[in-house]
Amino acid sequence: MRSALALLDLFDDAQLVMIPCQIPPHRPQPAADEKHRLNMLNLAVEEERSITIDDCELRREGKSFTFDTLRMYRKRWPDAPHYFVLGGDAWVTLTTWYRWQELINFAHLTVLSRPGESVAEPPELESWAGPITAELGAISAKAGNVVRLTLKPFEMSATAVRTALAEGRSVADCVPNNVINYIKANRLYRKSHDGT
C-alpha cells in the first residue's frame, strides 16, 4: 500500500488501479485465494479515492495474461497514458511472459526497485529495454517506454509480511488494521503445521 501511495505522489491527477491475478502463469498460486485477496485489497484502499480495485482478471477464465488486460485497458481508454507497474523481481522474468514485447503497445512499463537493489537482467531484456528506457518526466506518449523508479525503502516487503504473519509476528506498522483484522478473522497466512 505504501508503494501505491508513493507512486501516486509522482503523477498528477492519476488514478491507480490494482488488479489481483486469478491464476498467475509465472509464479505459484498465492497463499490466500482470490476472494480473500480481493476483500483485503478493497479494505486496504477503502479510504483512498485515487486507488481502485478492478477484478477483471478474477472474472476471466483460465490464466491471467498481462497482455490481455493491458489491451483491454487501452481499448477502454484509448487516449490516456497508461503505466503498468511491476517489481524488479517480475521484470527480470518478462521475457517468459505471453507476448511480452507487445506490452509497450498498450502502456509504459514501470519497473519499481528498492534502493540498492541490483537484479541481473537477461541479455535479451536488457538489449530490448535499453533504447526505449526513458525518464518519467520526459515521456509524452501514451505508451511505449520503460521507466525505472526507485522508491524509498519500506520496513517489510510483501513476502516478509506474509512470513511475519505465518510466524505470528506483528505487521501493524505496514498493514492497515482493518486488513489485519480480516486476516485474523479468516485465519489467513498461518503455518499449515500449527493445527489450525
N, C-alpha and C. Protein backbone atom coordinates (compact mmCIF):
# COMPACT_ATOMS: atom_id res chain seq x y z
N MET A 1 0.82 -1.19 0.00
CA MET A 1 0.00 0.00 0.00
C MET A 1 0.87 1.26 0.00
N ARG A 2 1.97 1.20 0.74
CA ARG A 2 2.85 2.37 0.78
C ARG A 2 3.47 2.65 -0.59
N SER A 3 3.80 1.61 -1.32
CA SER A 3 4.33 1.81 -2.68
C SER A 3 3.29 2.47 -3.56
N ALA A 4 2.04 2.06 -3.43
CA ALA A 4 0.97 2.64 -4.23
C ALA A 4 0.83 4.13 -3.94
N LEU A 5 0.86 4.49 -2.67
CA LEU A 5 0.74 5.91 -2.30
C LEU A 5 1.96 6.70 -2.76
N ALA A 6 3.14 6.10 -2.67
CA ALA A 6 4.35 6.77 -3.15
C ALA A 6 4.29 6.98 -4.66
N LEU A 7 3.76 6.02 -5.39
CA LEU A 7 3.60 6.17 -6.84
C LEU A 7 2.65 7.31 -7.18
N LEU A 8 1.56 7.40 -6.46
CA LEU A 8 0.59 8.46 -6.73
C LEU A 8 1.20 9.84 -6.56
N ASP A 9 2.17 9.97 -5.67
CA ASP A 9 2.85 11.25 -5.48
C ASP A 9 3.64 11.67 -6.71
N LEU A 10 4.00 10.72 -7.56
CA LEU A 10 4.80 11.02 -8.75
C LEU A 10 3.97 11.45 -9.95
N PHE A 11 2.67 11.22 -9.90
CA PHE A 11 1.80 11.51 -11.03
C PHE A 11 0.72 12.51 -10.63
N ASP A 12 0.52 13.53 -11.45
CA ASP A 12 -0.56 14.50 -11.19
C ASP A 12 -1.89 13.91 -11.61
N ASP A 13 -2.88 14.01 -10.75
CA ASP A 13 -4.25 13.59 -11.06
C ASP A 13 -4.34 12.17 -11.59
N ALA A 14 -3.54 11.28 -11.06
CA ALA A 14 -3.55 9.89 -11.54
C ALA A 14 -4.58 9.06 -10.79
N GLN A 15 -5.03 8.03 -11.47
CA GLN A 15 -5.88 7.01 -10.85
C GLN A 15 -5.08 5.72 -10.90
N LEU A 16 -4.85 5.12 -9.74
CA LEU A 16 -4.10 3.88 -9.68
C LEU A 16 -5.10 2.73 -9.59
N VAL A 17 -4.94 1.75 -10.44
CA VAL A 17 -5.83 0.59 -10.46
C VAL A 17 -5.02 -0.64 -10.06
N MET A 18 -5.49 -1.33 -9.04
CA MET A 18 -4.86 -2.59 -8.63
C MET A 18 -5.70 -3.73 -9.17
N ILE A 19 -5.02 -4.69 -9.79
CA ILE A 19 -5.71 -5.79 -10.45
C ILE A 19 -5.19 -7.12 -9.90
N PRO A 20 -5.93 -7.74 -8.97
CA PRO A 20 -5.48 -9.04 -8.48
C PRO A 20 -5.56 -10.10 -9.58
N CYS A 21 -4.61 -10.99 -9.58
CA CYS A 21 -4.49 -12.01 -10.62
C CYS A 21 -5.22 -13.29 -10.21
N GLN A 22 -5.94 -13.87 -11.15
CA GLN A 22 -6.67 -15.13 -10.90
C GLN A 22 -5.69 -16.30 -10.80
N ILE A 23 -5.05 -16.61 -11.89
CA ILE A 23 -4.10 -17.73 -11.94
C ILE A 23 -2.80 -17.19 -12.53
N PRO A 24 -1.82 -16.86 -11.69
CA PRO A 24 -0.58 -16.31 -12.22
C PRO A 24 0.21 -17.36 -12.98
N PRO A 25 0.55 -17.10 -14.25
CA PRO A 25 1.27 -18.10 -15.03
C PRO A 25 2.73 -18.28 -14.64
N HIS A 26 3.34 -17.29 -13.95
CA HIS A 26 4.78 -17.32 -13.72
C HIS A 26 5.20 -17.47 -12.27
N ARG A 27 4.27 -17.76 -11.41
CA ARG A 27 4.64 -17.97 -10.01
C ARG A 27 3.60 -18.88 -9.37
N PRO A 28 3.91 -19.42 -8.21
CA PRO A 28 2.93 -20.30 -7.56
C PRO A 28 1.65 -19.55 -7.21
N GLN A 29 0.58 -20.30 -7.08
CA GLN A 29 -0.71 -19.72 -6.68
C GLN A 29 -0.53 -19.05 -5.32
N PRO A 30 -1.05 -17.82 -5.13
CA PRO A 30 -0.91 -17.15 -3.84
C PRO A 30 -1.52 -17.96 -2.69
N ALA A 31 -1.01 -17.72 -1.47
CA ALA A 31 -1.48 -18.46 -0.30
C ALA A 31 -2.95 -18.18 0.00
N ALA A 32 -3.38 -16.94 -0.19
CA ALA A 32 -4.79 -16.58 0.03
C ALA A 32 -5.52 -16.68 -1.30
N ASP A 33 -6.72 -17.23 -1.28
CA ASP A 33 -7.46 -17.37 -2.53
C ASP A 33 -7.93 -16.01 -3.03
N GLU A 34 -8.45 -16.00 -4.27
CA GLU A 34 -8.80 -14.74 -4.93
C GLU A 34 -9.86 -13.94 -4.17
N LYS A 35 -10.81 -14.62 -3.55
CA LYS A 35 -11.86 -13.91 -2.80
C LYS A 35 -11.25 -13.13 -1.64
N HIS A 36 -10.36 -13.77 -0.89
CA HIS A 36 -9.72 -13.11 0.24
C HIS A 36 -8.79 -11.99 -0.22
N ARG A 37 -8.03 -12.22 -1.28
CA ARG A 37 -7.13 -11.17 -1.78
C ARG A 37 -7.92 -9.95 -2.24
N LEU A 38 -9.04 -10.18 -2.92
CA LEU A 38 -9.89 -9.07 -3.36
C LEU A 38 -10.46 -8.33 -2.15
N ASN A 39 -10.95 -9.05 -1.17
CA ASN A 39 -11.50 -8.41 0.03
C ASN A 39 -10.44 -7.59 0.78
N MET A 40 -9.22 -8.14 0.90
CA MET A 40 -8.16 -7.41 1.59
C MET A 40 -7.77 -6.14 0.83
N LEU A 41 -7.70 -6.23 -0.48
CA LEU A 41 -7.38 -5.03 -1.27
C LEU A 41 -8.46 -3.97 -1.10
N ASN A 42 -9.71 -4.38 -1.18
CA ASN A 42 -10.81 -3.42 -1.01
C ASN A 42 -10.75 -2.76 0.37
N LEU A 43 -10.46 -3.53 1.40
CA LEU A 43 -10.32 -2.95 2.74
C LEU A 43 -9.15 -1.97 2.80
N ALA A 44 -8.04 -2.34 2.20
CA ALA A 44 -6.83 -1.51 2.27
C ALA A 44 -7.01 -0.16 1.59
N VAL A 45 -7.83 -0.10 0.55
CA VAL A 45 -7.95 1.15 -0.22
C VAL A 45 -9.27 1.88 0.02
N GLU A 46 -10.07 1.42 0.96
CA GLU A 46 -11.42 1.97 1.10
C GLU A 46 -11.45 3.47 1.35
N GLU A 47 -10.39 4.05 1.87
CA GLU A 47 -10.37 5.49 2.10
C GLU A 47 -9.47 6.24 1.12
N GLU A 48 -8.98 5.56 0.12
CA GLU A 48 -8.10 6.18 -0.88
C GLU A 48 -8.89 6.41 -2.17
N ARG A 49 -9.27 7.65 -2.42
CA ARG A 49 -10.09 7.95 -3.60
C ARG A 49 -9.33 7.76 -4.91
N SER A 50 -8.01 7.84 -4.88
CA SER A 50 -7.23 7.72 -6.11
C SER A 50 -6.82 6.29 -6.43
N ILE A 51 -7.27 5.34 -5.62
CA ILE A 51 -6.94 3.93 -5.87
C ILE A 51 -8.23 3.14 -5.98
N THR A 52 -8.32 2.37 -7.05
CA THR A 52 -9.47 1.49 -7.23
C THR A 52 -8.98 0.06 -7.47
N ILE A 53 -9.88 -0.87 -7.27
CA ILE A 53 -9.59 -2.28 -7.50
C ILE A 53 -10.43 -2.74 -8.67
N ASP A 54 -9.80 -3.43 -9.61
CA ASP A 54 -10.51 -3.99 -10.76
C ASP A 54 -10.35 -5.51 -10.70
N ASP A 55 -11.46 -6.22 -10.62
CA ASP A 55 -11.41 -7.69 -10.53
C ASP A 55 -11.53 -8.36 -11.90
N CYS A 56 -11.18 -7.64 -12.97
CA CYS A 56 -11.33 -8.18 -14.33
C CYS A 56 -10.61 -9.51 -14.52
N GLU A 57 -9.43 -9.67 -13.93
CA GLU A 57 -8.69 -10.93 -14.10
C GLU A 57 -9.30 -12.05 -13.26
N LEU A 58 -9.93 -11.70 -12.16
CA LEU A 58 -10.59 -12.72 -11.34
C LEU A 58 -11.82 -13.27 -12.05
N ARG A 59 -12.44 -12.45 -12.87
CA ARG A 59 -13.63 -12.88 -13.60
C ARG A 59 -13.28 -13.61 -14.89
N ARG A 60 -12.05 -13.53 -15.32
CA ARG A 60 -11.59 -14.17 -16.55
C ARG A 60 -11.34 -15.65 -16.30
N GLU A 61 -11.72 -16.48 -17.24
CA GLU A 61 -11.46 -17.92 -17.14
C GLU A 61 -10.00 -18.21 -17.48
N GLY A 62 -9.41 -19.14 -16.79
CA GLY A 62 -8.06 -19.58 -17.11
C GLY A 62 -6.99 -18.65 -16.59
N LYS A 63 -5.80 -18.76 -17.17
CA LYS A 63 -4.66 -17.99 -16.73
C LYS A 63 -4.85 -16.51 -17.03
N SER A 64 -4.22 -15.69 -16.20
CA SER A 64 -4.27 -14.24 -16.37
C SER A 64 -3.03 -13.79 -17.13
N PHE A 65 -3.24 -13.21 -18.30
CA PHE A 65 -2.13 -12.69 -19.08
C PHE A 65 -2.17 -11.18 -19.08
N THR A 66 -1.06 -10.56 -18.73
CA THR A 66 -0.96 -9.11 -18.71
C THR A 66 -1.30 -8.52 -20.07
N PHE A 67 -0.89 -9.19 -21.13
CA PHE A 67 -1.18 -8.71 -22.49
C PHE A 67 -2.68 -8.46 -22.66
N ASP A 68 -3.50 -9.42 -22.25
CA ASP A 68 -4.96 -9.28 -22.42
C ASP A 68 -5.51 -8.12 -21.60
N THR A 69 -5.02 -7.98 -20.38
CA THR A 69 -5.51 -6.92 -19.50
C THR A 69 -5.11 -5.54 -20.03
N LEU A 70 -3.85 -5.39 -20.43
CA LEU A 70 -3.41 -4.09 -20.95
C LEU A 70 -4.12 -3.74 -22.25
N ARG A 71 -4.34 -4.72 -23.09
CA ARG A 71 -5.08 -4.48 -24.34
C ARG A 71 -6.50 -4.01 -24.03
N MET A 72 -7.15 -4.63 -23.05
CA MET A 72 -8.50 -4.24 -22.65
C MET A 72 -8.52 -2.79 -22.15
N TYR A 73 -7.54 -2.43 -21.32
CA TYR A 73 -7.48 -1.06 -20.80
C TYR A 73 -7.23 -0.05 -21.92
N ARG A 74 -6.38 -0.40 -22.87
CA ARG A 74 -6.11 0.52 -23.98
C ARG A 74 -7.38 0.74 -24.81
N LYS A 75 -8.17 -0.32 -25.01
CA LYS A 75 -9.43 -0.17 -25.75
C LYS A 75 -10.42 0.70 -24.98
N ARG A 76 -10.48 0.54 -23.66
CA ARG A 76 -11.40 1.33 -22.83
C ARG A 76 -11.02 2.80 -22.80
N TRP A 77 -9.75 3.09 -22.68
CA TRP A 77 -9.26 4.46 -22.57
C TRP A 77 -8.15 4.67 -23.61
N PRO A 78 -8.53 4.81 -24.87
CA PRO A 78 -7.53 4.88 -25.94
C PRO A 78 -6.63 6.12 -25.91
N ASP A 79 -7.09 7.20 -25.33
CA ASP A 79 -6.32 8.44 -25.38
C ASP A 79 -5.52 8.74 -24.11
N ALA A 80 -5.68 7.92 -23.09
CA ALA A 80 -5.00 8.18 -21.81
C ALA A 80 -3.64 7.49 -21.77
N PRO A 81 -2.65 8.13 -21.13
CA PRO A 81 -1.39 7.41 -20.91
C PRO A 81 -1.60 6.32 -19.86
N HIS A 82 -1.00 5.19 -20.08
CA HIS A 82 -1.12 4.06 -19.16
C HIS A 82 0.29 3.66 -18.71
N TYR A 83 0.41 3.34 -17.43
CA TYR A 83 1.67 2.87 -16.85
C TYR A 83 1.39 1.55 -16.15
N PHE A 84 2.02 0.50 -16.62
CA PHE A 84 1.90 -0.80 -15.96
C PHE A 84 3.08 -0.93 -15.01
N VAL A 85 2.80 -1.10 -13.72
CA VAL A 85 3.84 -1.11 -12.70
C VAL A 85 4.14 -2.54 -12.28
N LEU A 86 5.42 -2.87 -12.26
CA LEU A 86 5.84 -4.20 -11.82
C LEU A 86 7.14 -4.07 -11.04
N GLY A 87 7.37 -5.01 -10.16
CA GLY A 87 8.58 -5.02 -9.36
C GLY A 87 9.76 -5.58 -10.14
N GLY A 88 10.94 -5.31 -9.63
CA GLY A 88 12.15 -5.80 -10.29
C GLY A 88 12.19 -7.31 -10.41
N ASP A 89 11.62 -8.01 -9.42
CA ASP A 89 11.61 -9.47 -9.47
C ASP A 89 10.75 -9.98 -10.63
N ALA A 90 9.65 -9.30 -10.91
CA ALA A 90 8.80 -9.68 -12.05
C ALA A 90 9.44 -9.23 -13.36
N TRP A 91 10.07 -8.06 -13.34
CA TRP A 91 10.70 -7.51 -14.55
C TRP A 91 11.70 -8.48 -15.16
N VAL A 92 12.55 -9.11 -14.34
CA VAL A 92 13.58 -9.99 -14.88
C VAL A 92 13.01 -11.27 -15.49
N THR A 93 11.73 -11.55 -15.27
CA THR A 93 11.09 -12.71 -15.89
C THR A 93 10.27 -12.32 -17.12
N LEU A 94 10.28 -11.04 -17.48
CA LEU A 94 9.39 -10.54 -18.53
C LEU A 94 9.51 -11.31 -19.84
N THR A 95 10.70 -11.75 -20.20
CA THR A 95 10.88 -12.44 -21.48
C THR A 95 10.15 -13.77 -21.54
N THR A 96 9.66 -14.25 -20.40
CA THR A 96 8.89 -15.50 -20.38
C THR A 96 7.39 -15.24 -20.43
N TRP A 97 6.98 -13.97 -20.42
CA TRP A 97 5.56 -13.62 -20.42
C TRP A 97 4.97 -13.73 -21.82
N TYR A 98 3.70 -13.97 -21.86
CA TYR A 98 2.94 -14.06 -23.11
C TYR A 98 3.01 -12.73 -23.85
N ARG A 99 3.52 -12.74 -25.07
CA ARG A 99 3.59 -11.58 -25.97
C ARG A 99 4.23 -10.36 -25.28
N TRP A 100 5.29 -10.62 -24.56
CA TRP A 100 5.92 -9.61 -23.71
C TRP A 100 6.39 -8.38 -24.46
N GLN A 101 6.92 -8.54 -25.66
CA GLN A 101 7.43 -7.38 -26.40
C GLN A 101 6.32 -6.46 -26.89
N GLU A 102 5.09 -6.94 -26.88
CA GLU A 102 3.96 -6.12 -27.33
C GLU A 102 3.32 -5.32 -26.20
N LEU A 103 3.71 -5.57 -24.97
CA LEU A 103 3.10 -4.87 -23.84
C LEU A 103 3.25 -3.36 -23.96
N ILE A 104 4.37 -2.90 -24.54
CA ILE A 104 4.58 -1.45 -24.65
C ILE A 104 3.67 -0.81 -25.69
N ASN A 105 2.95 -1.60 -26.46
CA ASN A 105 1.95 -1.02 -27.37
C ASN A 105 0.76 -0.48 -26.60
N PHE A 106 0.59 -0.93 -25.37
CA PHE A 106 -0.58 -0.56 -24.57
C PHE A 106 -0.26 0.32 -23.37
N ALA A 107 0.98 0.27 -22.89
CA ALA A 107 1.34 1.01 -21.67
C ALA A 107 2.85 1.22 -21.60
N HIS A 108 3.25 2.15 -20.76
CA HIS A 108 4.65 2.26 -20.38
C HIS A 108 4.88 1.21 -19.30
N LEU A 109 5.98 0.50 -19.37
CA LEU A 109 6.31 -0.49 -18.34
C LEU A 109 7.13 0.22 -17.27
N THR A 110 6.61 0.25 -16.07
CA THR A 110 7.22 0.99 -14.97
C THR A 110 7.78 -0.01 -13.97
N VAL A 111 9.09 -0.04 -13.85
CA VAL A 111 9.77 -1.03 -13.03
C VAL A 111 10.18 -0.39 -11.70
N LEU A 112 9.64 -0.93 -10.61
CA LEU A 112 9.96 -0.43 -9.27
C LEU A 112 11.11 -1.23 -8.68
N SER A 113 12.06 -0.52 -8.12
CA SER A 113 13.19 -1.15 -7.44
C SER A 113 13.31 -0.59 -6.05
N ARG A 114 13.90 -1.39 -5.18
CA ARG A 114 14.23 -0.90 -3.84
C ARG A 114 15.61 -0.26 -3.91
N PRO A 115 15.88 0.74 -3.08
CA PRO A 115 17.21 1.36 -3.09
C PRO A 115 18.30 0.32 -2.86
N GLY A 116 19.33 0.38 -3.68
CA GLY A 116 20.44 -0.55 -3.56
C GLY A 116 20.19 -1.92 -4.16
N GLU A 117 18.97 -2.16 -4.63
CA GLU A 117 18.65 -3.46 -5.21
C GLU A 117 19.28 -3.58 -6.59
N SER A 118 19.94 -4.67 -6.82
CA SER A 118 20.55 -4.93 -8.12
C SER A 118 20.08 -6.29 -8.59
N VAL A 119 19.35 -6.28 -9.69
CA VAL A 119 18.81 -7.52 -10.23
C VAL A 119 19.40 -7.73 -11.62
N ALA A 120 19.96 -8.90 -11.85
CA ALA A 120 20.56 -9.19 -13.15
C ALA A 120 19.47 -9.42 -14.20
N GLU A 121 19.50 -8.60 -15.24
CA GLU A 121 18.53 -8.75 -16.33
C GLU A 121 19.06 -9.74 -17.35
N PRO A 122 18.18 -10.55 -17.92
CA PRO A 122 18.61 -11.38 -19.04
C PRO A 122 19.09 -10.48 -20.18
N PRO A 123 20.12 -10.88 -20.92
CA PRO A 123 20.65 -10.04 -22.00
C PRO A 123 19.57 -9.63 -23.02
N GLU A 124 18.65 -10.52 -23.33
CA GLU A 124 17.59 -10.20 -24.29
C GLU A 124 16.73 -9.05 -23.79
N LEU A 125 16.41 -9.06 -22.51
CA LEU A 125 15.59 -8.00 -21.93
C LEU A 125 16.37 -6.69 -21.88
N GLU A 126 17.62 -6.76 -21.49
CA GLU A 126 18.46 -5.57 -21.40
C GLU A 126 18.60 -4.88 -22.75
N SER A 127 18.86 -5.65 -23.80
CA SER A 127 19.02 -5.04 -25.13
C SER A 127 17.70 -4.52 -25.68
N TRP A 128 16.60 -5.18 -25.36
CA TRP A 128 15.29 -4.71 -25.81
C TRP A 128 14.90 -3.41 -25.10
N ALA A 129 15.10 -3.36 -23.78
CA ALA A 129 14.66 -2.21 -22.99
C ALA A 129 15.54 -0.99 -23.14
N GLY A 130 16.82 -1.18 -23.41
CA GLY A 130 17.75 -0.05 -23.49
C GLY A 130 17.27 1.12 -24.33
N PRO A 131 16.94 0.90 -25.60
CA PRO A 131 16.55 2.03 -26.46
C PRO A 131 15.21 2.68 -26.10
N ILE A 132 14.38 2.00 -25.33
CA ILE A 132 13.05 2.57 -25.03
C ILE A 132 12.92 3.02 -23.58
N THR A 133 14.03 2.97 -22.83
CA THR A 133 14.01 3.42 -21.44
C THR A 133 14.06 4.94 -21.40
N ALA A 134 13.18 5.54 -20.60
CA ALA A 134 13.08 7.00 -20.52
C ALA A 134 12.84 7.43 -19.08
N GLU A 135 13.17 8.68 -18.82
CA GLU A 135 12.86 9.29 -17.53
C GLU A 135 11.38 9.61 -17.49
N LEU A 136 10.77 9.49 -16.34
CA LEU A 136 9.34 9.72 -16.20
C LEU A 136 8.93 11.10 -16.72
N GLY A 137 9.67 12.13 -16.38
CA GLY A 137 9.32 13.49 -16.80
C GLY A 137 9.50 13.76 -18.28
N ALA A 138 10.20 12.88 -18.99
CA ALA A 138 10.46 13.10 -20.42
C ALA A 138 9.45 12.40 -21.32
N ILE A 139 8.49 11.71 -20.75
CA ILE A 139 7.55 10.93 -21.54
C ILE A 139 6.36 11.79 -21.96
N SER A 140 6.06 11.75 -23.26
CA SER A 140 4.88 12.49 -23.75
C SER A 140 3.89 11.56 -24.44
N ALA A 141 4.29 10.35 -24.75
CA ALA A 141 3.41 9.40 -25.44
C ALA A 141 2.50 8.68 -24.45
N LYS A 142 1.50 7.99 -24.99
CA LYS A 142 0.53 7.24 -24.17
C LYS A 142 1.08 5.89 -23.73
N ALA A 143 2.08 5.40 -24.45
CA ALA A 143 2.65 4.08 -24.18
C ALA A 143 3.99 4.00 -24.91
N GLY A 144 4.75 2.92 -24.65
CA GLY A 144 5.92 2.66 -25.47
C GLY A 144 7.27 2.75 -24.80
N ASN A 145 7.33 3.12 -23.53
CA ASN A 145 8.62 3.25 -22.86
C ASN A 145 8.74 2.33 -21.65
N VAL A 146 9.97 2.17 -21.22
CA VAL A 146 10.28 1.53 -19.95
C VAL A 146 10.74 2.65 -19.02
N VAL A 147 10.17 2.70 -17.84
CA VAL A 147 10.51 3.70 -16.83
C VAL A 147 11.00 2.95 -15.60
N ARG A 148 12.13 3.36 -15.09
CA ARG A 148 12.67 2.72 -13.89
C ARG A 148 12.56 3.70 -12.73
N LEU A 149 11.93 3.26 -11.66
CA LEU A 149 11.74 4.10 -10.48
C LEU A 149 12.28 3.39 -9.25
N THR A 150 12.90 4.15 -8.39
CA THR A 150 13.34 3.63 -7.10
C THR A 150 12.57 4.38 -6.03
N LEU A 151 11.81 3.65 -5.25
CA LEU A 151 11.04 4.25 -4.17
C LEU A 151 11.80 4.10 -2.86
N LYS A 152 11.50 4.99 -1.93
CA LYS A 152 12.18 4.89 -0.64
C LYS A 152 11.87 3.53 -0.01
N PRO A 153 12.81 3.00 0.76
CA PRO A 153 12.61 1.66 1.32
C PRO A 153 11.51 1.64 2.37
N PHE A 154 10.83 0.52 2.41
CA PHE A 154 9.83 0.28 3.44
C PHE A 154 10.35 -0.81 4.35
N GLU A 155 9.77 -0.86 5.53
CA GLU A 155 10.28 -1.79 6.53
C GLU A 155 10.20 -3.25 6.07
N MET A 156 9.13 -3.60 5.36
CA MET A 156 8.93 -5.01 5.01
C MET A 156 8.42 -5.15 3.58
N SER A 157 8.93 -6.14 2.89
CA SER A 157 8.39 -6.50 1.58
C SER A 157 7.11 -7.31 1.80
N ALA A 158 6.36 -7.52 0.74
CA ALA A 158 5.13 -8.33 0.85
C ALA A 158 5.46 -9.75 1.31
N THR A 159 6.57 -10.28 0.82
CA THR A 159 6.98 -11.63 1.24
C THR A 159 7.29 -11.65 2.73
N ALA A 160 7.99 -10.62 3.20
CA ALA A 160 8.32 -10.54 4.63
C ALA A 160 7.06 -10.38 5.48
N VAL A 161 6.06 -9.66 4.98
CA VAL A 161 4.80 -9.51 5.70
C VAL A 161 4.12 -10.86 5.84
N ARG A 162 4.05 -11.61 4.74
CA ARG A 162 3.41 -12.94 4.80
C ARG A 162 4.16 -13.87 5.75
N THR A 163 5.48 -13.81 5.73
CA THR A 163 6.28 -14.63 6.64
C THR A 163 6.02 -14.24 8.09
N ALA A 164 5.99 -12.94 8.36
CA ALA A 164 5.72 -12.47 9.73
C ALA A 164 4.35 -12.93 10.20
N LEU A 165 3.36 -12.84 9.33
CA LEU A 165 2.01 -13.30 9.69
C LEU A 165 2.01 -14.79 10.01
N ALA A 166 2.71 -15.58 9.19
CA ALA A 166 2.77 -17.03 9.40
C ALA A 166 3.45 -17.36 10.72
N GLU A 167 4.39 -16.50 11.13
CA GLU A 167 5.13 -16.73 12.38
C GLU A 167 4.47 -16.06 13.58
N GLY A 168 3.34 -15.40 13.34
CA GLY A 168 2.61 -14.76 14.44
C GLY A 168 3.19 -13.44 14.90
N ARG A 169 4.09 -12.83 14.11
CA ARG A 169 4.68 -11.54 14.48
C ARG A 169 3.78 -10.40 14.01
N SER A 170 3.93 -9.26 14.62
CA SER A 170 3.11 -8.09 14.29
C SER A 170 3.52 -7.48 12.95
N VAL A 171 2.51 -7.04 12.20
CA VAL A 171 2.74 -6.31 10.95
C VAL A 171 1.98 -4.98 10.98
N ALA A 172 1.67 -4.53 12.19
CA ALA A 172 0.84 -3.33 12.36
C ALA A 172 1.46 -2.07 11.76
N ASP A 173 2.79 -2.04 11.63
CA ASP A 173 3.44 -0.86 11.06
C ASP A 173 3.29 -0.76 9.55
N CYS A 174 2.90 -1.85 8.90
CA CYS A 174 2.85 -1.80 7.44
C CYS A 174 1.57 -2.36 6.83
N VAL A 175 0.64 -2.81 7.63
CA VAL A 175 -0.64 -3.33 7.13
C VAL A 175 -1.76 -2.62 7.88
N PRO A 176 -2.75 -2.09 7.16
CA PRO A 176 -3.86 -1.40 7.84
C PRO A 176 -4.57 -2.33 8.83
N ASN A 177 -5.05 -1.75 9.93
CA ASN A 177 -5.70 -2.53 10.98
C ASN A 177 -6.89 -3.33 10.46
N ASN A 178 -7.69 -2.74 9.56
CA ASN A 178 -8.86 -3.47 9.07
C ASN A 178 -8.44 -4.71 8.28
N VAL A 179 -7.30 -4.65 7.61
CA VAL A 179 -6.79 -5.81 6.87
C VAL A 179 -6.25 -6.85 7.85
N ILE A 180 -5.54 -6.41 8.88
CA ILE A 180 -5.04 -7.34 9.90
C ILE A 180 -6.21 -8.06 10.55
N ASN A 181 -7.25 -7.33 10.89
CA ASN A 181 -8.44 -7.96 11.50
C ASN A 181 -9.07 -8.98 10.56
N TYR A 182 -9.12 -8.67 9.28
CA TYR A 182 -9.67 -9.60 8.28
C TYR A 182 -8.81 -10.87 8.22
N ILE A 183 -7.50 -10.69 8.19
CA ILE A 183 -6.58 -11.83 8.13
C ILE A 183 -6.77 -12.74 9.34
N LYS A 184 -6.88 -12.13 10.51
CA LYS A 184 -7.08 -12.92 11.74
C LYS A 184 -8.43 -13.63 11.72
N ALA A 185 -9.48 -12.91 11.34
CA ALA A 185 -10.83 -13.49 11.34
C ALA A 185 -10.94 -14.66 10.37
N ASN A 186 -10.19 -14.60 9.27
CA ASN A 186 -10.26 -15.64 8.26
C ASN A 186 -9.10 -16.62 8.33
N ARG A 187 -8.26 -16.47 9.35
CA ARG A 187 -7.16 -17.38 9.61
C ARG A 187 -6.26 -17.57 8.39
N LEU A 188 -5.86 -16.46 7.80
CA LEU A 188 -5.03 -16.49 6.61
C LEU A 188 -3.55 -16.42 6.97
N TYR A 189 -2.72 -16.93 6.09
CA TYR A 189 -1.26 -16.87 6.20
C TYR A 189 -0.72 -17.55 7.45
N ARG A 190 -1.41 -18.55 7.91
CA ARG A 190 -0.94 -19.29 9.08
C ARG A 190 -0.09 -20.46 8.62
N LYS A 191 0.81 -20.89 9.48
CA LYS A 191 1.61 -22.07 9.16
C LYS A 191 0.69 -23.27 9.09
N SER A 192 0.87 -24.10 8.08
CA SER A 192 -0.02 -25.24 7.89
C SER A 192 0.15 -26.31 8.96
N HIS A 193 1.28 -26.33 9.65
CA HIS A 193 1.52 -27.38 10.64
C HIS A 193 1.15 -26.94 12.06
N ASP A 194 0.48 -25.79 12.21
CA ASP A 194 0.16 -25.35 13.57
C ASP A 194 -1.18 -25.89 14.07
N GLY A 195 -1.79 -26.78 13.30
CA GLY A 195 -3.02 -27.41 13.75
C GLY A 195 -4.26 -26.56 13.58
N THR A 196 -4.14 -25.43 12.86
CA THR A 196 -5.30 -24.55 12.69
C THR A 196 -5.70 -24.44 11.24
